[in-house]
C-alpha atoms as a PDB file:
ATOM      1  CA  MET A   1     111.538  75.837 120.067  1.00  0.00           C
ATOM      2  CA  GLU A   2     107.881  75.623 119.060  1.00  0.00           C
ATOM      3  CA  ARG A   3     105.494  72.708 118.731  1.00  0.00           C
ATOM      4  CA  ILE A   4     103.230  73.052 115.687  1.00  0.00           C
ATOM      5  CA  TYR A   5      99.860  71.314 115.791  1.00  0.00           C
ATOM      6  CA  TYR A   6      98.606  70.778 112.258  1.00  0.00           C
ATOM      7  CA  ALA A   7      96.169  68.327 110.656  1.00  0.00           C
ATOM      8  CA  GLY A   8      95.988  66.106 113.724  1.00  0.00           C
ATOM      9  CA  ASP A   9      99.772  65.793 114.002  1.00  0.00           C
ATOM     10  CA  GLN A  10     102.488  67.723 115.778  1.00  0.00           C
ATOM     11  CA  PHE A  11     105.972  68.798 114.822  1.00  0.00           C
ATOM     12  CA  LEU A  12     108.814  70.668 116.485  1.00  0.00           C
ATOM     13  CA  THR A  13     110.560  73.523 114.734  1.00  0.00           C
ATOM     14  CA  GLY A  14     112.415  76.708 115.523  1.00  0.00           C
ATOM     15  CA  THR A  15     110.596  79.640 117.062  1.00  0.00           C
ATOM     16  CA  ALA A  16     111.429  82.043 114.216  1.00  0.00           C
ATOM     17  CA  ILE A  17     110.282  79.468 111.656  1.00  0.00           C
ATOM     18  CA  ALA A  18     106.988  78.798 113.469  1.00  0.00           C
ATOM     19  CA  ASN A  19     106.248  82.510 113.879  1.00  0.00           C
ATOM     20  CA  ALA A  20     106.974  83.191 110.203  1.00  0.00           C
ATOM     21  CA  LEU A  21     104.758  80.250 109.166  1.00  0.00           C
ATOM     22  CA  VAL A  22     101.814  81.492 111.247  1.00  0.00           C
ATOM     23  CA  SER A  23     102.204  85.032 109.866  1.00  0.00           C
ATOM     24  CA  TYR A  24     102.274  83.670 106.317  1.00  0.00           C
ATOM     25  CA  ALA A  25      99.179  81.535 106.950  1.00  0.00           C
ATOM     26  CA  ALA A  26      97.340  84.564 108.380  1.00  0.00           C
ATOM     27  CA  ALA A  27      98.275  86.701 105.359  1.00  0.00           C
ATOM     28  CA  LEU A  28      97.071  83.986 102.993  1.00  0.00           C
ATOM     29  CA  GLY A  29      93.843  83.716 104.979  1.00  0.00           C
ATOM     30  CA  ARG A  30      93.193  87.457 104.681  1.00  0.00           C
ATOM     31  CA  ARG A  31      93.619  87.150 100.910  1.00  0.00           C
ATOM     32  CA  GLY A  32      91.444  84.036 100.693  1.00  0.00           C
ATOM     33  CA  THR A  33      94.153  82.013  98.990  1.00  0.00           C
ATOM     34  CA  THR A  34      96.447  79.115  99.826  1.00  0.00           C
ATOM     35  CA  GLY A  35     100.121  78.324  99.593  1.00  0.00           C
ATOM     36  CA  ALA A  36     102.455  75.433 100.264  1.00  0.00           C
ATOM     37  CA  ILE A  37     105.702  75.774 102.165  1.00  0.00           C
ATOM     38  CA  GLU A  38     108.278  73.239 103.287  1.00  0.00           C
ATOM     39  CA  ILE A  39     109.373  73.542 106.908  1.00  0.00           C
ATOM     40  CA  PRO A  40     112.216  71.680 108.636  1.00  0.00           C
ATOM     41  CA  VAL A  41     110.877  69.796 111.654  1.00  0.00           C
ATOM     42  CA  ARG A  42     111.958  67.458 114.400  1.00  0.00           C
ATOM     43  CA  HIS A  43     109.483  64.673 115.099  1.00  0.00           C
ATOM     44  CA  PRO A  44     108.671  64.643 118.823  1.00  0.00           C
ATOM     45  CA  ASP A  45     108.325  60.887 119.089  1.00  0.00           C
ATOM     46  CA  ASP A  46     111.804  59.885 117.900  1.00  0.00           C
ATOM     47  CA  GLY A  47     113.687  63.177 117.373  1.00  0.00           C
ATOM     48  CA  ARG A  48     114.396  62.550 113.701  1.00  0.00           C
ATOM     49  CA  LEU A  49     114.736  65.541 111.391  1.00  0.00           C
ATOM     50  CA  SER A  50     112.737  65.887 108.210  1.00  0.00           C
ATOM     51  CA  VAL A  51     110.937  68.405 106.055  1.00  0.00           C
ATOM     52  CA  VAL A  52     107.143  68.738 106.111  1.00  0.00           C
ATOM     53  CA  ASN A  53     105.177  70.420 103.339  1.00  0.00           C
ATOM     54  CA  PHE A  54     102.439  72.540 104.938  1.00  0.00           C
ATOM     55  CA  LEU A  55      99.406  73.621 102.926  1.00  0.00           C
ATOM     56  CA  VAL A  56      98.287  76.878 104.516  1.00  0.00           C
ATOM     57  CA  GLY A  57      95.493  79.314 103.822  1.00  0.00           C
ATOM     58  CA  PRO A  58      92.033  80.374 104.969  1.00  0.00           C
ATOM     59  CA  ALA A  59      91.071  76.958 106.321  1.00  0.00           C
ATOM     60  CA  SER A  60      94.401  76.254 108.034  1.00  0.00           C
ATOM     61  CA  GLN A  61      94.202  75.376 111.662  1.00  0.00           C
ATOM     62  CA  ILE A  62      97.746  75.852 112.840  1.00  0.00           C
ATOM     63  CA  VAL A  63      98.517  76.175 116.519  1.00  0.00           C
ATOM     64  CA  THR A  64     101.965  76.713 117.958  1.00  0.00           C
ATOM     65  CA  GLU A  65     103.145  76.208 121.493  1.00  0.00           C
ATOM     66  CA  ARG A  66     106.463  77.301 122.959  1.00  0.00           C
ATOM     67  CA  ILE A  67     108.324  74.437 124.575  1.00  0.00           C
ATOM     68  CA  ASP A  68     111.482  74.367 126.608  1.00  0.00           C
ATOM     69  CA  ALA A  69     114.363  72.887 124.684  1.00  0.00           C
ATOM     70  CA  GLY A  70     118.062  73.297 124.724  1.00  0.00           C
ATOM     71  CA  ASP A  71     119.553  75.950 122.461  1.00  0.00           C
ATOM     72  CA  ASP A  72     121.270  73.162 120.518  1.00  0.00           C
ATOM     73  CA  ASP A  73     117.864  71.639 119.649  1.00  0.00           C
ATOM     74  CA  GLU A  74     116.482  74.882 118.138  1.00  0.00           C
ATOM     75  CA  LEU A  75     115.974  74.479 114.398  1.00  0.00           C
ATOM     76  CA  ARG A  76     117.164  77.500 112.427  1.00  0.00           C
ATOM     77  CA  ASP A  77     116.806  78.396 108.771  1.00  0.00           C
ATOM     78  CA  GLU A  78     117.323  82.123 108.219  1.00  0.00           C
ATOM     79  CA  GLN A  79     116.779  81.848 104.462  1.00  0.00           C
ATOM     80  CA  LEU A  80     113.402  80.179 104.985  1.00  0.00           C
ATOM     81  CA  VAL A  81     112.365  82.749 107.591  1.00  0.00           C
ATOM     82  CA  GLU A  82     113.333  85.585 105.259  1.00  0.00           C
ATOM     83  CA  ARG A  83     111.456  83.930 102.381  1.00  0.00           C
ATOM     84  CA  LEU A  84     108.327  83.552 104.515  1.00  0.00           C
ATOM     85  CA  ARG A  85     108.570  87.176 105.629  1.00  0.00           C
ATOM     86  CA  SER A  86     108.928  88.260 102.012  1.00  0.00           C
ATOM     87  CA  LEU A  87     105.930  86.180 100.916  1.00  0.00           C
ATOM     88  CA  THR A  88     103.919  87.601 103.811  1.00  0.00           C
ATOM     89  CA  ALA A  89     104.870  91.166 102.882  1.00  0.00           C
ATOM     90  CA  GLU A  90     103.808  90.565  99.267  1.00  0.00           C
ATOM     91  CA  LEU A  91     100.341  89.625 100.550  1.00  0.00           C
ATOM     92  CA  ALA A  92      99.961  92.770 102.665  1.00  0.00           C
ATOM     93  CA  PRO A  93      97.221  95.150 101.597  1.00  0.00           C
ATOM     94  CA  MET A  94      98.327  98.107  99.520  1.00  0.00           C
ATOM     95  CA  HIS A  95      98.057 101.516 101.152  1.00  0.00           C
ATOM     96  CA  PRO A  96      98.530 104.744  99.265  1.00  0.00           C
ATOM     97  CA  ILE A  97     101.411 106.872 100.390  1.00  0.00           C
ATOM     98  CA  THR A  98     100.615 110.522 100.755  1.00  0.00           C
ATOM     99  CA  ASN A  99     102.961 113.402 101.214  1.00  0.00           C
ATOM    100  CA  HIS A 100     101.708 115.293 104.223  1.00  0.00           C
ATOM    101  CA  GLY A 101     104.818 117.403 104.354  1.00  0.00           C
ATOM    102  CA  VAL A 102     104.908 121.162 104.439  1.00  0.00           C
ATOM    103  CA  PRO A 103     104.336 122.667 100.991  1.00  0.00           C
ATOM    104  CA  ASP A 104     107.378 124.071  99.314  1.00  0.00           C
ATOM    105  CA  THR A 105     106.847 127.843  99.566  1.00  0.00           C
ATOM    106  CA  GLU A 106     109.990 128.528  97.579  1.00  0.00           C
ATOM    107  CA  GLN A 107     108.315 127.604  94.292  1.00  0.00           C
ATOM    108  CA  ALA A 108     105.646 129.835  92.856  1.00  0.00           C
ATOM    109  CA  VAL A 109     102.357 128.176  91.989  1.00  0.00           C
ATOM    110  CA  ASP A 110     101.248 129.092  88.502  1.00  0.00           C
ATOM    111  CA  TYR A 111      97.480 128.647  88.158  1.00  0.00           C
ATOM    112  CA  ASP A 112      95.612 129.686  85.079  1.00  0.00           C
ATOM    113  CA  TRP A 113      92.373 130.890  86.641  1.00  0.00           C
ATOM    114  CA  THR A 114      90.830 131.515  83.213  1.00  0.00           C
ATOM    115  CA  ASP A 115      90.535 127.807  82.441  1.00  0.00           C
ATOM    116  CA  GLU A 116      87.047 126.426  82.790  1.00  0.00           C
ATOM    117  CA  VAL A 117      86.545 123.607  85.183  1.00  0.00           C
END
């Protein structure tokens, strides 16, 4: 279980959810953009469950802290975690893929050396 500190308040949520949220916020920050995402939380004062809409991006100040809680208290939402991971991956910088493999020596290379460059 993780405690999320955000906008002067604190919320409890599952570890996988908190980690995915922080990764998404970091990816948005690198891109200089913002996003909103709803996260299931347990309020620490009374234990009630609700959903909080987090606005995250370059100016987000999100801090998480691992807390000891029973396994039954851990909030889980695999679909949300997968969605956050997907959104984070979409924000990753593009890198060209090169083929550094061994050249295929079976095929003849046909250059026309008479062409002007």
